[in-house]
Amino acid sequence: MKLLKYILFFFGLISLSACLNRYNNMPAKNNTSARQTLAKSFAENFYAKCAKKDYSEITGFNMDVNMKNYFSPEKIKTVCENSDKKYGKIEIGSLYAAKTNVYPTDFSDLFVFNIKTEKNDSIKYLRMGMTRDKDYFQVFYISTKPYNKWYKRKKK
């Protein structure tokens, strides 16, 4: 009976530790240089538009519905102004990591790029999320950490 308790406890720890890490390394078939270039060019295109104060719609890239709403012409001006005020000029660097979600129901990949900002040295990473099948952008996020193990949205 005591052995059964130890075995159950051991399997419980293994299953708990498997749930802690949300991302695995992306398989080579999904981590192509074309997808990396596409993600980086989206970010560079966006920040170039901000630098030119061109707040028109972003074209030439596929975005999911939520991303399109976030990057609507009305909101681009606000996003650019806030970004300029908080971070100054943003320079996109090399690829830091390419990850994929652990859960089998997820269909997205995460490309994390190193960045340099003019005003804030603690901001070091840009996360770009893309769907696997059609390369639709769904995540665009600047942070101090490359990726979080647990991600909770803040309630407003």
C-alpha atoms as a PDB file:
ATOM      1  CA  MET A   1       0.000   0.000   0.000  1.00  0.00           C
ATOM      2  CA  LYS A   2       2.834   2.350   0.850  1.00  0.00           C
ATOM      3  CA  LEU A   3       4.527   1.580  -2.476  1.00  0.00           C
ATOM      4  CA  LEU A   4       1.301   2.445  -4.332  1.00  0.00           C
ATOM      5  CA  LYS A   5       1.206   5.853  -2.620  1.00  0.00           C
ATOM      6  CA  TYR A   6       4.796   6.561  -3.667  1.00  0.00           C
ATOM      7  CA  ILE A   7       4.085   5.525  -7.241  1.00  0.00           C
ATOM      8  CA  LEU A   8       0.979   7.724  -7.418  1.00  0.00           C
ATOM      9  CA  PHE A   9       2.885  10.625  -5.881  1.00  0.00           C
ATOM     10  CA  PHE A  10       5.722  10.149  -8.394  1.00  0.00           C
ATOM     11  CA  PHE A  11       3.336  10.100 -11.393  1.00  0.00           C
ATOM     12  CA  GLY A  12       1.532  13.124  -9.998  1.00  0.00           C
ATOM     13  CA  LEU A  13       4.800  15.064  -9.900  1.00  0.00           C
ATOM     14  CA  ILE A  14       5.657  14.025 -13.449  1.00  0.00           C
ATOM     15  CA  SER A  15       2.277  15.111 -14.799  1.00  0.00           C
ATOM     16  CA  LEU A  16       2.464  18.414 -12.904  1.00  0.00           C
ATOM     17  CA  SER A  17       5.941  19.187 -14.223  1.00  0.00           C
ATOM     18  CA  ALA A  18       4.796  18.451 -17.782  1.00  0.00           C
ATOM     19  CA  CYS A  19       2.130  21.157 -17.468  1.00  0.00           C
ATOM     20  CA  LEU A  20       4.500  23.836 -16.193  1.00  0.00           C
ATOM     21  CA  ASN A  21       6.330  24.507 -19.451  1.00  0.00           C
ATOM     22  CA  ARG A  22       3.954  25.897 -22.053  1.00  0.00           C
ATOM     23  CA  TYR A  23       6.378  25.950 -25.004  1.00  0.00           C
ATOM     24  CA  ASN A  24       8.592  23.415 -26.736  1.00  0.00           C
ATOM     25  CA  ASN A  25      11.218  23.993 -29.387  1.00  0.00           C
ATOM     26  CA  MET A  26       9.645  24.387 -32.800  1.00  0.00           C
ATOM     27  CA  PRO A  27      10.154  21.475 -35.218  1.00  0.00           C
ATOM     28  CA  ALA A  28      12.475  22.221 -38.152  1.00  0.00           C
ATOM     29  CA  LYS A  29       9.673  21.815 -40.696  1.00  0.00           C
ATOM     30  CA  ASN A  30       7.834  24.794 -39.131  1.00  0.00           C
ATOM     31  CA  ASN A  31      10.940  26.834 -38.315  1.00  0.00           C
ATOM     32  CA  THR A  32      11.904  27.838 -41.827  1.00  0.00           C
ATOM     33  CA  SER A  33      13.900  30.916 -42.720  1.00  0.00           C
ATOM     34  CA  ALA A  34      10.955  32.116 -44.833  1.00  0.00           C
ATOM     35  CA  ARG A  35       8.661  32.161 -41.791  1.00  0.00           C
ATOM     36  CA  GLN A  36      11.340  33.848 -39.672  1.00  0.00           C
ATOM     37  CA  THR A  37      11.845  36.495 -42.356  1.00  0.00           C
ATOM     38  CA  LEU A  38       8.089  37.030 -42.668  1.00  0.00           C
ATOM     39  CA  ALA A  39       7.728  37.591 -38.917  1.00  0.00           C
ATOM     40  CA  LYS A  40      10.695  39.945 -38.771  1.00  0.00           C
ATOM     41  CA  SER A  41       9.586  41.915 -41.841  1.00  0.00           C
ATOM     42  CA  PHE A  42       6.128  42.440 -40.319  1.00  0.00           C
ATOM     43  CA  ALA A  43       7.673  43.995 -37.216  1.00  0.00           C
ATOM     44  CA  GLU A  44      10.154  46.074 -39.211  1.00  0.00           C
ATOM     45  CA  ASN A  45       7.373  47.255 -41.525  1.00  0.00           C
ATOM     46  CA  PHE A  46       5.211  48.297 -38.587  1.00  0.00           C
ATOM     47  CA  TYR A  47       7.955  50.241 -36.813  1.00  0.00           C
ATOM     48  CA  ALA A  48       9.045  51.865 -40.084  1.00  0.00           C
ATOM     49  CA  LYS A  49       5.463  53.088 -40.547  1.00  0.00           C
ATOM     50  CA  CYS A  50       5.536  54.476 -37.014  1.00  0.00           C
ATOM     51  CA  ALA A  51       8.834  56.287 -37.652  1.00  0.00           C
ATOM     52  CA  LYS A  52       7.381  57.894 -40.809  1.00  0.00           C
ATOM     53  CA  LYS A  53       4.145  58.702 -38.950  1.00  0.00           C
ATOM     54  CA  ASP A  54       2.267  56.721 -41.613  1.00  0.00           C
ATOM     55  CA  TYR A  55      -0.823  55.442 -39.826  1.00  0.00           C
ATOM     56  CA  SER A  56      -2.424  53.742 -42.817  1.00  0.00           C
ATOM     57  CA  GLU A  57      -3.511  50.119 -42.862  1.00  0.00           C
ATOM     58  CA  ILE A  58      -0.802  47.459 -42.860  1.00  0.00           C
ATOM     59  CA  THR A  59      -0.896  45.598 -46.172  1.00  0.00           C
ATOM     60  CA  GLY A  60       0.901  42.577 -47.550  1.00  0.00           C
ATOM     61  CA  PHE A  61       0.540  40.444 -44.414  1.00  0.00           C
ATOM     62  CA  ASN A  62      -2.157  38.044 -43.228  1.00  0.00           C
ATOM     63  CA  MET A  63      -3.574  38.853 -39.796  1.00  0.00           C
ATOM     64  CA  ASP A  64      -6.291  37.171 -37.796  1.00  0.00           C
ATOM     65  CA  VAL A  65      -9.408  39.138 -36.842  1.00  0.00           C
ATOM     66  CA  ASN A  66      -8.163  40.284 -33.433  1.00  0.00           C
ATOM     67  CA  MET A  67      -4.841  41.408 -34.850  1.00  0.00           C
ATOM     68  CA  LYS A  68      -6.588  43.296 -37.670  1.00  0.00           C
ATOM     69  CA  ASN A  69      -8.719  45.110 -35.103  1.00  0.00           C
ATOM     70  CA  TYR A  70      -5.618  45.947 -33.059  1.00  0.00           C
ATOM     71  CA  PHE A  71      -3.825  47.271 -36.144  1.00  0.00           C
ATOM     72  CA  SER A  72      -6.755  49.142 -37.626  1.00  0.00           C
ATOM     73  CA  PRO A  73      -5.837  52.575 -39.043  1.00  0.00           C
ATOM     74  CA  GLU A  74      -7.587  54.260 -36.107  1.00  0.00           C
ATOM     75  CA  LYS A  75      -5.572  52.347 -33.500  1.00  0.00           C
ATOM     76  CA  ILE A  76      -2.213  52.342 -35.281  1.00  0.00           C
ATOM     77  CA  LYS A  77      -1.709  56.012 -34.445  1.00  0.00           C
ATOM     78  CA  THR A  78      -2.326  55.385 -30.746  1.00  0.00           C
ATOM     79  CA  VAL A  79      -0.102  52.289 -30.688  1.00  0.00           C
ATOM     80  CA  CYS A  80       2.722  54.105 -32.480  1.00  0.00           C
ATOM     81  CA  GLU A  81       2.531  57.177 -30.256  1.00  0.00           C
ATOM     82  CA  ASN A  82       2.488  55.073 -27.082  1.00  0.00           C
ATOM     83  CA  SER A  83       5.376  52.965 -28.337  1.00  0.00           C
ATOM     84  CA  ASP A  84       7.411  56.041 -29.227  1.00  0.00           C
ATOM     85  CA  LYS A  85       6.710  57.630 -25.853  1.00  0.00           C
ATOM     86  CA  LYS A  86       7.597  54.489 -23.842  1.00  0.00           C
ATOM     87  CA  TYR A  87      10.397  52.946 -25.889  1.00  0.00           C
ATOM     88  CA  GLY A  88      11.623  55.440 -28.467  1.00  0.00           C
ATOM     89  CA  LYS A  89      13.145  53.975 -31.597  1.00  0.00           C
ATOM     90  CA  ILE A  90      12.927  50.164 -31.692  1.00  0.00           C
ATOM     91  CA  GLU A  91      15.500  48.093 -33.541  1.00  0.00           C
ATOM     92  CA  ILE A  92      14.657  44.451 -34.363  1.00  0.00           C
ATOM     93  CA  GLY A  93      17.615  42.113 -33.930  1.00  0.00           C
ATOM     94  CA  SER A  94      18.217  38.428 -34.491  1.00  0.00           C
ATOM     95  CA  LEU A  95      15.928  35.528 -33.702  1.00  0.00           C
ATOM     96  CA  TYR A  96      16.187  34.574 -30.024  1.00  0.00           C
ATOM     97  CA  ALA A  97      13.981  31.477 -30.050  1.00  0.00           C
ATOM     98  CA  ALA A  98      11.345  29.660 -32.071  1.00  0.00           C
ATOM     99  CA  LYS A  99       8.811  27.863 -29.899  1.00  0.00           C
ATOM    100  CA  THR A 100       5.561  26.015 -30.361  1.00  0.00           C
ATOM    101  CA  ASN A 101       2.766  25.447 -27.873  1.00  0.00           C
ATOM    102  CA  VAL A 102       2.812  22.162 -25.979  1.00  0.00           C
ATOM    103  CA  TYR A 103      -0.894  21.467 -26.214  1.00  0.00           C
ATOM    104  CA  PRO A 104      -2.008  19.447 -29.254  1.00  0.00           C
ATOM    105  CA  THR A 105      -5.106  21.610 -29.793  1.00  0.00           C
ATOM    106  CA  ASP A 106      -2.969  24.712 -30.313  1.00  0.00           C
ATOM    107  CA  PHE A 107      -2.083  25.656 -33.843  1.00  0.00           C
ATOM    108  CA  SER A 108       0.332  28.502 -33.366  1.00  0.00           C
ATOM    109  CA  ASP A 109       4.054  29.073 -33.287  1.00  0.00           C
ATOM    110  CA  LEU A 110       5.974  31.789 -31.476  1.00  0.00           C
ATOM    111  CA  PHE A 111       8.997  33.590 -32.892  1.00  0.00           C
ATOM    112  CA  VAL A 112      10.907  35.638 -30.320  1.00  0.00           C
ATOM    113  CA  PHE A 113      13.304  38.325 -31.564  1.00  0.00           C
ATOM    114  CA  ASN A 114      15.909  40.333 -29.692  1.00  0.00           C
ATOM    115  CA  ILE A 115      15.200  44.057 -29.778  1.00  0.00           C
ATOM    116  CA  LYS A 116      16.903  47.250 -28.672  1.00  0.00           C
ATOM    117  CA  THR A 117      14.931  50.247 -27.542  1.00  0.00           C
ATOM    118  CA  GLU A 118      16.089  53.811 -27.278  1.00  0.00           C
ATOM    119  CA  LYS A 119      14.482  54.679 -23.930  1.00  0.00           C
ATOM    120  CA  ASN A 120      13.998  51.427 -21.983  1.00  0.00           C
ATOM    121  CA  ASP A 121      16.852  48.938 -21.518  1.00  0.00           C
ATOM    122  CA  SER A 122      14.710  46.357 -19.695  1.00  0.00           C
ATOM    123  CA  ILE A 123      12.630  45.652 -22.815  1.00  0.00           C
ATOM    124  CA  LYS A 124      14.571  43.043 -24.778  1.00  0.00           C
ATOM    125  CA  TYR A 125      12.183  40.783 -26.692  1.00  0.00           C
ATOM    126  CA  LEU A 126       9.492  40.930 -29.350  1.00  0.00           C
ATOM    127  CA  ARG A 127       7.105  37.987 -29.538  1.00  0.00           C
ATOM    128  CA  MET A 128       5.502  37.252 -32.903  1.00  0.00           C
ATOM    129  CA  GLY A 129       2.820  34.547 -32.971  1.00  0.00           C
ATOM    130  CA  MET A 130       1.791  32.926 -36.242  1.00  0.00           C
ATOM    131  CA  THR A 131      -0.606  30.153 -37.176  1.00  0.00           C
ATOM    132  CA  ARG A 132       1.042  27.063 -38.602  1.00  0.00           C
ATOM    133  CA  ASP A 133      -1.169  26.478 -41.589  1.00  0.00           C
ATOM    134  CA  LYS A 134      -1.556  29.871 -43.301  1.00  0.00           C
ATOM    135  CA  ASP A 135       0.957  32.093 -41.489  1.00  0.00           C
ATOM    136  CA  TYR A 136      -1.617  34.468 -40.042  1.00  0.00           C
ATOM    137  CA  PHE A 137      -0.197  36.804 -37.411  1.00  0.00           C
ATOM    138  CA  GLN A 138      -1.980  36.625 -34.086  1.00  0.00           C
ATOM    139  CA  VAL A 139       0.484  37.855 -31.437  1.00  0.00           C
ATOM    140  CA  PHE A 140       2.647  40.981 -31.415  1.00  0.00           C
ATOM    141  CA  TYR A 141       4.060  41.720 -27.997  1.00  0.00           C
ATOM    142  CA  ILE A 142       7.105  43.480 -26.539  1.00  0.00           C
ATOM    143  CA  SER A 143       8.373  42.218 -23.176  1.00  0.00           C
ATOM    144  CA  THR A 144      11.220  41.895 -20.717  1.00  0.00           C
ATOM    145  CA  LYS A 145      11.098  38.070 -20.838  1.00  0.00           C
ATOM    146  CA  PRO A 146      11.282  35.913 -23.961  1.00  0.00           C
ATOM    147  CA  TYR A 147       8.157  33.943 -23.028  1.00  0.00           C
ATOM    148  CA  ASN A 148       6.129  33.236 -19.930  1.00  0.00           C
ATOM    149  CA  LYS A 149       5.370  29.802 -18.571  1.00  0.00           C
ATOM    150  CA  TRP A 150       1.975  31.002 -17.385  1.00  0.00           C
ATOM    151  CA  TYR A 151       0.165  33.718 -19.230  1.00  0.00           C
ATOM    152  CA  LYS A 152      -2.887  35.390 -17.724  1.00  0.00           C
ATOM    153  CA  ARG A 153      -4.623  38.368 -19.215  1.00  0.00           C
ATOM    154  CA  LYS A 154      -5.172  41.276 -16.912  1.00  0.00           C
ATOM    155  CA  LYS A 155      -8.808  42.090 -16.314  1.00  0.00           C
ATOM    156  CA  LYS A 156      -9.712  45.677 -17.050  1.00  0.00           C
END
